[in-house]
Amino acid sequence: MNSKVMRIVTIVFTVLAAGMAIMSGVMKLTQSKEVVDTLTKAGVGDKAIILGCMEIGFAALFIYSKTMKLGFILLSCYFAGALATELSHGSPLNAFVPLVLIWIAAFLRDKTIFLPASVE
């Protein structure tokens, strides 16, 4: 695959991953009824605004290339915690798709996150 196509694929995955996190954060900040009801069932309905701010902040760190690794770690931890909460409460696994997209985008952007840097 040539470098131009690879760059476009990387940008698409990054935008999808960060976009999902930002959209979820915005829905929490706007106190969307469905989101607040779901969070209330999990026992964190009163923390919707802080969770929304966290998601948006972590996604911003992930988008910016110099802080991408930190954003990757924070988003992975956030969505892994959300996934664990969903599993423990028998909810649908809504956090699975963003988590997978974040990992794919991170791998495409910087393979050293998962693989050792090549020795030259």
N, C-alpha and C. Protein backbone atom coordinates (compact mmCIF):
# COMPACT_ATOMS: atom_id res chain seq x y z
N MET A 1 0.86 -1.17 0.00
CA MET A 1 0.00 0.00 0.00
C MET A 1 0.91 1.24 0.00
N ASN A 2 0.60 2.18 -0.87
CA ASN A 2 1.48 3.35 -0.93
C ASN A 2 1.26 4.28 0.27
N SER A 3 2.19 5.18 0.48
CA SER A 3 2.19 6.01 1.69
C SER A 3 1.01 6.98 1.75
N LYS A 4 0.54 7.44 0.59
CA LYS A 4 -0.59 8.37 0.59
C LYS A 4 -1.86 7.67 1.06
N VAL A 5 -2.11 6.48 0.57
CA VAL A 5 -3.29 5.71 0.99
C VAL A 5 -3.19 5.37 2.47
N MET A 6 -1.99 4.98 2.91
CA MET A 6 -1.79 4.64 4.32
C MET A 6 -2.04 5.85 5.21
N ARG A 7 -1.62 7.01 4.77
CA ARG A 7 -1.85 8.24 5.54
C ARG A 7 -3.34 8.53 5.65
N ILE A 8 -4.07 8.36 4.56
CA ILE A 8 -5.52 8.61 4.57
C ILE A 8 -6.21 7.62 5.50
N VAL A 9 -5.84 6.35 5.45
CA VAL A 9 -6.43 5.32 6.32
C VAL A 9 -6.15 5.66 7.78
N THR A 10 -4.92 6.09 8.07
CA THR A 10 -4.56 6.46 9.43
C THR A 10 -5.39 7.64 9.92
N ILE A 11 -5.56 8.65 9.08
CA ILE A 11 -6.36 9.81 9.46
C ILE A 11 -7.81 9.41 9.69
N VAL A 12 -8.36 8.56 8.84
CA VAL A 12 -9.76 8.13 8.98
C VAL A 12 -9.95 7.41 10.31
N PHE A 13 -9.06 6.47 10.63
CA PHE A 13 -9.19 5.75 11.90
C PHE A 13 -9.02 6.67 13.10
N THR A 14 -8.09 7.62 13.00
CA THR A 14 -7.88 8.56 14.10
C THR A 14 -9.11 9.43 14.32
N VAL A 15 -9.69 9.94 13.22
CA VAL A 15 -10.88 10.78 13.32
C VAL A 15 -12.07 9.98 13.87
N LEU A 16 -12.23 8.74 13.42
CA LEU A 16 -13.32 7.91 13.94
C LEU A 16 -13.16 7.65 15.43
N ALA A 17 -11.95 7.26 15.84
CA ALA A 17 -11.71 6.94 17.25
C ALA A 17 -11.90 8.17 18.13
N ALA A 18 -11.24 9.25 17.78
CA ALA A 18 -11.35 10.47 18.59
C ALA A 18 -12.75 11.06 18.49
N GLY A 19 -13.35 10.98 17.32
CA GLY A 19 -14.71 11.51 17.13
C GLY A 19 -15.73 10.80 18.00
N MET A 20 -15.61 9.48 18.11
CA MET A 20 -16.54 8.74 18.96
C MET A 20 -16.38 9.15 20.42
N ALA A 21 -15.13 9.31 20.86
CA ALA A 21 -14.90 9.72 22.25
C ALA A 21 -15.41 11.14 22.49
N ILE A 22 -15.15 12.04 21.55
CA ILE A 22 -15.61 13.42 21.71
C ILE A 22 -17.13 13.49 21.69
N MET A 23 -17.75 12.76 20.77
CA MET A 23 -19.22 12.76 20.68
C MET A 23 -19.83 12.21 21.97
N SER A 24 -19.26 11.16 22.50
CA SER A 24 -19.74 10.60 23.76
C SER A 24 -19.57 11.60 24.90
N GLY A 25 -18.45 12.30 24.90
CA GLY A 25 -18.22 13.32 25.93
C GLY A 25 -19.20 14.47 25.83
N VAL A 26 -19.49 14.90 24.61
CA VAL A 26 -20.46 15.98 24.39
C VAL A 26 -21.85 15.55 24.86
N MET A 27 -22.21 14.30 24.57
CA MET A 27 -23.52 13.81 25.01
C MET A 27 -23.62 13.79 26.53
N LYS A 28 -22.50 13.50 27.19
CA LYS A 28 -22.50 13.53 28.66
C LYS A 28 -22.58 14.97 29.17
N LEU A 29 -21.87 15.87 28.52
CA LEU A 29 -21.90 17.28 28.94
C LEU A 29 -23.27 17.92 28.74
N THR A 30 -23.96 17.52 27.68
CA THR A 30 -25.29 18.08 27.41
C THR A 30 -26.38 17.37 28.21
N GLN A 31 -25.98 16.39 29.01
CA GLN A 31 -26.91 15.66 29.87
C GLN A 31 -28.01 14.97 29.05
N SER A 32 -27.63 14.33 27.97
CA SER A 32 -28.57 13.57 27.15
C SER A 32 -29.30 12.55 28.04
N LYS A 33 -30.62 12.50 27.92
CA LYS A 33 -31.43 11.65 28.79
C LYS A 33 -31.01 10.19 28.73
N GLU A 34 -30.80 9.68 27.51
CA GLU A 34 -30.43 8.27 27.36
C GLU A 34 -29.09 7.97 28.04
N VAL A 35 -28.14 8.88 27.85
CA VAL A 35 -26.81 8.68 28.43
C VAL A 35 -26.88 8.76 29.95
N VAL A 36 -27.57 9.74 30.48
CA VAL A 36 -27.68 9.88 31.94
C VAL A 36 -28.41 8.69 32.54
N ASP A 37 -29.45 8.20 31.86
CA ASP A 37 -30.17 7.01 32.36
C ASP A 37 -29.24 5.79 32.41
N THR A 38 -28.44 5.62 31.36
CA THR A 38 -27.51 4.50 31.32
C THR A 38 -26.45 4.63 32.40
N LEU A 39 -25.93 5.83 32.59
CA LEU A 39 -24.92 6.05 33.63
C LEU A 39 -25.53 5.87 35.02
N THR A 40 -26.78 6.27 35.20
CA THR A 40 -27.45 6.10 36.49
C THR A 40 -27.60 4.63 36.83
N LYS A 41 -27.92 3.80 35.82
CA LYS A 41 -28.02 2.35 36.05
C LYS A 41 -26.68 1.78 36.50
N ALA A 42 -25.59 2.37 36.03
CA ALA A 42 -24.25 1.91 36.41
C ALA A 42 -23.80 2.53 37.73
N GLY A 43 -24.57 3.49 38.25
CA GLY A 43 -24.25 4.10 39.53
C GLY A 43 -23.39 5.34 39.44
N VAL A 44 -23.20 5.89 38.24
CA VAL A 44 -22.36 7.08 38.10
C VAL A 44 -23.09 8.21 37.36
N GLY A 45 -24.40 8.23 37.45
CA GLY A 45 -25.18 9.25 36.76
C GLY A 45 -24.86 10.67 37.18
N ASP A 46 -24.50 10.84 38.44
CA ASP A 46 -24.17 12.18 38.93
C ASP A 46 -22.78 12.65 38.50
N LYS A 47 -22.01 11.78 37.89
CA LYS A 47 -20.66 12.11 37.44
C LYS A 47 -20.58 12.31 35.92
N ALA A 48 -21.72 12.50 35.26
CA ALA A 48 -21.75 12.58 33.79
C ALA A 48 -20.89 13.72 33.26
N ILE A 49 -20.94 14.87 33.88
CA ILE A 49 -20.19 16.03 33.37
C ILE A 49 -18.69 15.80 33.48
N ILE A 50 -18.24 15.29 34.60
CA ILE A 50 -16.80 15.05 34.75
C ILE A 50 -16.33 13.96 33.80
N LEU A 51 -17.14 12.93 33.60
CA LEU A 51 -16.79 11.87 32.65
C LEU A 51 -16.72 12.41 31.22
N GLY A 52 -17.65 13.30 30.88
CA GLY A 52 -17.63 13.92 29.55
C GLY A 52 -16.39 14.77 29.34
N CYS A 53 -16.01 15.53 30.35
CA CYS A 53 -14.78 16.35 30.26
C CYS A 53 -13.55 15.47 30.11
N MET A 54 -13.52 14.37 30.82
CA MET A 54 -12.40 13.44 30.72
C MET A 54 -12.29 12.89 29.31
N GLU A 55 -13.41 12.44 28.75
CA GLU A 55 -13.38 11.87 27.40
C GLU A 55 -12.88 12.88 26.38
N ILE A 56 -13.38 14.08 26.44
CA ILE A 56 -12.97 15.11 25.48
C ILE A 56 -11.49 15.46 25.67
N GLY A 57 -11.06 15.58 26.90
CA GLY A 57 -9.65 15.88 27.18
C GLY A 57 -8.71 14.77 26.71
N PHE A 58 -9.08 13.53 26.99
CA PHE A 58 -8.25 12.40 26.57
C PHE A 58 -8.19 12.31 25.05
N ALA A 59 -9.32 12.56 24.39
CA ALA A 59 -9.35 12.52 22.92
C ALA A 59 -8.48 13.63 22.33
N ALA A 60 -8.49 14.81 22.97
CA ALA A 60 -7.65 15.90 22.49
C ALA A 60 -6.17 15.53 22.62
N LEU A 61 -5.80 14.90 23.71
CA LEU A 61 -4.42 14.44 23.87
C LEU A 61 -4.06 13.40 22.81
N PHE A 62 -5.01 12.54 22.48
CA PHE A 62 -4.79 11.50 21.48
C PHE A 62 -4.61 12.09 20.08
N ILE A 63 -5.34 13.13 19.76
CA ILE A 63 -5.26 13.73 18.43
C ILE A 63 -3.92 14.43 18.22
N TYR A 64 -3.44 15.15 19.23
CA TYR A 64 -2.19 15.91 19.12
C TYR A 64 -1.01 14.94 19.10
N SER A 65 -0.18 15.01 18.08
CA SER A 65 0.87 14.00 17.87
C SER A 65 1.87 13.91 19.02
N LYS A 66 2.21 15.02 19.66
CA LYS A 66 3.21 14.98 20.73
C LYS A 66 2.68 14.34 22.02
N THR A 67 1.37 14.30 22.19
CA THR A 67 0.78 13.70 23.39
C THR A 67 -0.06 12.47 23.04
N MET A 68 0.13 11.94 21.84
CA MET A 68 -0.70 10.82 21.37
C MET A 68 -0.56 9.60 22.27
N LYS A 69 0.65 9.29 22.71
CA LYS A 69 0.84 8.10 23.55
C LYS A 69 0.13 8.24 24.89
N LEU A 70 0.20 9.42 25.50
CA LEU A 70 -0.51 9.66 26.75
C LEU A 70 -2.02 9.57 26.53
N GLY A 71 -2.50 10.19 25.46
CA GLY A 71 -3.93 10.10 25.13
C GLY A 71 -4.37 8.68 24.88
N PHE A 72 -3.52 7.91 24.22
CA PHE A 72 -3.82 6.49 23.96
C PHE A 72 -3.99 5.72 25.26
N ILE A 73 -3.05 5.92 26.18
CA ILE A 73 -3.11 5.21 27.47
C ILE A 73 -4.37 5.63 28.24
N LEU A 74 -4.64 6.92 28.30
CA LEU A 74 -5.79 7.41 29.06
C LEU A 74 -7.11 6.95 28.44
N LEU A 75 -7.23 7.04 27.11
CA LEU A 75 -8.45 6.57 26.45
C LEU A 75 -8.62 5.06 26.62
N SER A 76 -7.53 4.31 26.51
CA SER A 76 -7.62 2.86 26.69
C SER A 76 -8.09 2.51 28.09
N CYS A 77 -7.52 3.18 29.08
CA CYS A 77 -7.94 2.94 30.47
C CYS A 77 -9.40 3.33 30.69
N TYR A 78 -9.78 4.48 30.14
CA TYR A 78 -11.15 4.97 30.31
C TYR A 78 -12.15 3.96 29.72
N PHE A 79 -11.92 3.58 28.48
CA PHE A 79 -12.88 2.67 27.82
C PHE A 79 -12.79 1.24 28.36
N ALA A 80 -11.62 0.83 28.84
CA ALA A 80 -11.52 -0.48 29.48
C ALA A 80 -12.33 -0.48 30.77
N GLY A 81 -12.28 0.61 31.52
CA GLY A 81 -13.09 0.72 32.72
C GLY A 81 -14.58 0.74 32.40
N ALA A 82 -14.93 1.45 31.33
CA ALA A 82 -16.33 1.48 30.90
C ALA A 82 -16.79 0.08 30.48
N LEU A 83 -15.91 -0.64 29.79
CA LEU A 83 -16.24 -2.00 29.36
C LEU A 83 -16.42 -2.92 30.56
N ALA A 84 -15.55 -2.80 31.56
CA ALA A 84 -15.67 -3.61 32.77
C ALA A 84 -16.97 -3.30 33.51
N THR A 85 -17.33 -2.02 33.56
CA THR A 85 -18.58 -1.62 34.21
C THR A 85 -19.78 -2.20 33.45
N GLU A 86 -19.72 -2.12 32.13
CA GLU A 86 -20.83 -2.67 31.32
C GLU A 86 -20.94 -4.17 31.51
N LEU A 87 -19.83 -4.86 31.57
CA LEU A 87 -19.86 -6.32 31.78
C LEU A 87 -20.44 -6.67 33.15
N SER A 88 -20.07 -5.90 34.16
CA SER A 88 -20.55 -6.21 35.51
C SER A 88 -22.02 -5.87 35.72
N HIS A 89 -22.56 -4.98 34.89
CA HIS A 89 -23.95 -4.59 35.03
C HIS A 89 -24.86 -5.21 33.95
N GLY A 90 -24.30 -6.05 33.11
CA GLY A 90 -25.10 -6.70 32.08
C GLY A 90 -25.59 -5.75 31.01
N SER A 91 -24.89 -4.66 30.81
CA SER A 91 -25.28 -3.68 29.79
C SER A 91 -24.68 -4.09 28.44
N PRO A 92 -25.20 -3.49 27.35
CA PRO A 92 -24.57 -3.74 26.05
C PRO A 92 -23.15 -3.19 26.05
N LEU A 93 -22.28 -3.82 25.29
CA LEU A 93 -20.87 -3.46 25.29
C LEU A 93 -20.59 -2.29 24.36
N ASN A 94 -21.06 -1.11 24.75
CA ASN A 94 -20.90 0.09 23.93
C ASN A 94 -19.46 0.58 23.86
N ALA A 95 -18.64 0.27 24.86
CA ALA A 95 -17.27 0.77 24.90
C ALA A 95 -16.31 -0.05 24.04
N PHE A 96 -16.77 -1.17 23.51
CA PHE A 96 -15.88 -2.05 22.76
C PHE A 96 -15.43 -1.43 21.44
N VAL A 97 -16.34 -0.86 20.68
CA VAL A 97 -16.01 -0.30 19.36
C VAL A 97 -15.03 0.87 19.47
N PRO A 98 -15.25 1.87 20.34
CA PRO A 98 -14.26 2.94 20.44
C PRO A 98 -12.88 2.42 20.87
N LEU A 99 -12.87 1.45 21.77
CA LEU A 99 -11.60 0.90 22.24
C LEU A 99 -10.83 0.26 21.09
N VAL A 100 -11.51 -0.52 20.28
CA VAL A 100 -10.86 -1.16 19.13
C VAL A 100 -10.36 -0.11 18.14
N LEU A 101 -11.18 0.90 17.86
CA LEU A 101 -10.76 1.95 16.93
C LEU A 101 -9.55 2.73 17.46
N ILE A 102 -9.51 2.97 18.75
CA ILE A 102 -8.38 3.68 19.35
C ILE A 102 -7.10 2.86 19.19
N TRP A 103 -7.19 1.57 19.41
CA TRP A 103 -6.01 0.71 19.28
C TRP A 103 -5.55 0.64 17.83
N ILE A 104 -6.47 0.53 16.89
CA ILE A 104 -6.09 0.49 15.48
C ILE A 104 -5.45 1.81 15.07
N ALA A 105 -6.06 2.92 15.44
CA ALA A 105 -5.52 4.23 15.08
C ALA A 105 -4.14 4.43 15.70
N ALA A 106 -3.96 4.04 16.95
CA ALA A 106 -2.66 4.19 17.61
C ALA A 106 -1.60 3.35 16.90
N PHE A 107 -1.95 2.14 16.52
CA PHE A 107 -1.00 1.27 15.82
C PHE A 107 -0.61 1.87 14.47
N LEU A 108 -1.58 2.39 13.76
CA LEU A 108 -1.28 2.99 12.46
C LEU A 108 -0.42 4.24 12.60
N ARG A 109 -0.64 5.00 13.65
CA ARG A 109 0.11 6.25 13.83
C ARG A 109 1.53 6.01 14.36
N ASP A 110 1.69 5.04 15.26
CA ASP A 110 3.00 4.80 15.86
C ASP A 110 3.10 3.34 16.30
N LYS A 111 3.73 2.53 15.47
CA LYS A 111 3.82 1.09 15.74
C LYS A 111 4.65 0.77 16.97
N THR A 112 5.47 1.72 17.44
CA THR A 112 6.30 1.45 18.62
C THR A 112 5.49 1.38 19.91
N ILE A 113 4.21 1.74 19.82
CA ILE A 113 3.35 1.58 21.01
C ILE A 113 3.20 0.10 21.35
N PHE A 114 3.14 -0.75 20.31
CA PHE A 114 2.92 -2.17 20.50
C PHE A 114 4.14 -3.02 20.20
N LEU A 115 5.02 -2.54 19.32
CA LEU A 115 6.18 -3.30 18.89
C LEU A 115 7.45 -2.54 19.27
N PRO A 116 8.52 -3.27 19.55
CA PRO A 116 9.75 -2.56 19.88
C PRO A 116 10.28 -1.80 18.66
N ALA A 117 10.94 -0.71 18.94
CA ALA A 117 11.52 0.08 17.85
C ALA A 117 12.64 -0.73 17.21
N SER A 118 12.75 -0.65 15.91
CA SER A 118 13.78 -1.42 15.22
C SER A 118 15.15 -0.86 15.54
N VAL A 119 16.09 -1.74 15.71
CA VAL A 119 17.45 -1.34 16.03
C VAL A 119 18.19 -1.11 14.73
N GLU A 120 18.80 0.04 14.59
CA GLU A 120 19.51 0.36 13.35
C GLU A 120 20.98 0.53 13.60
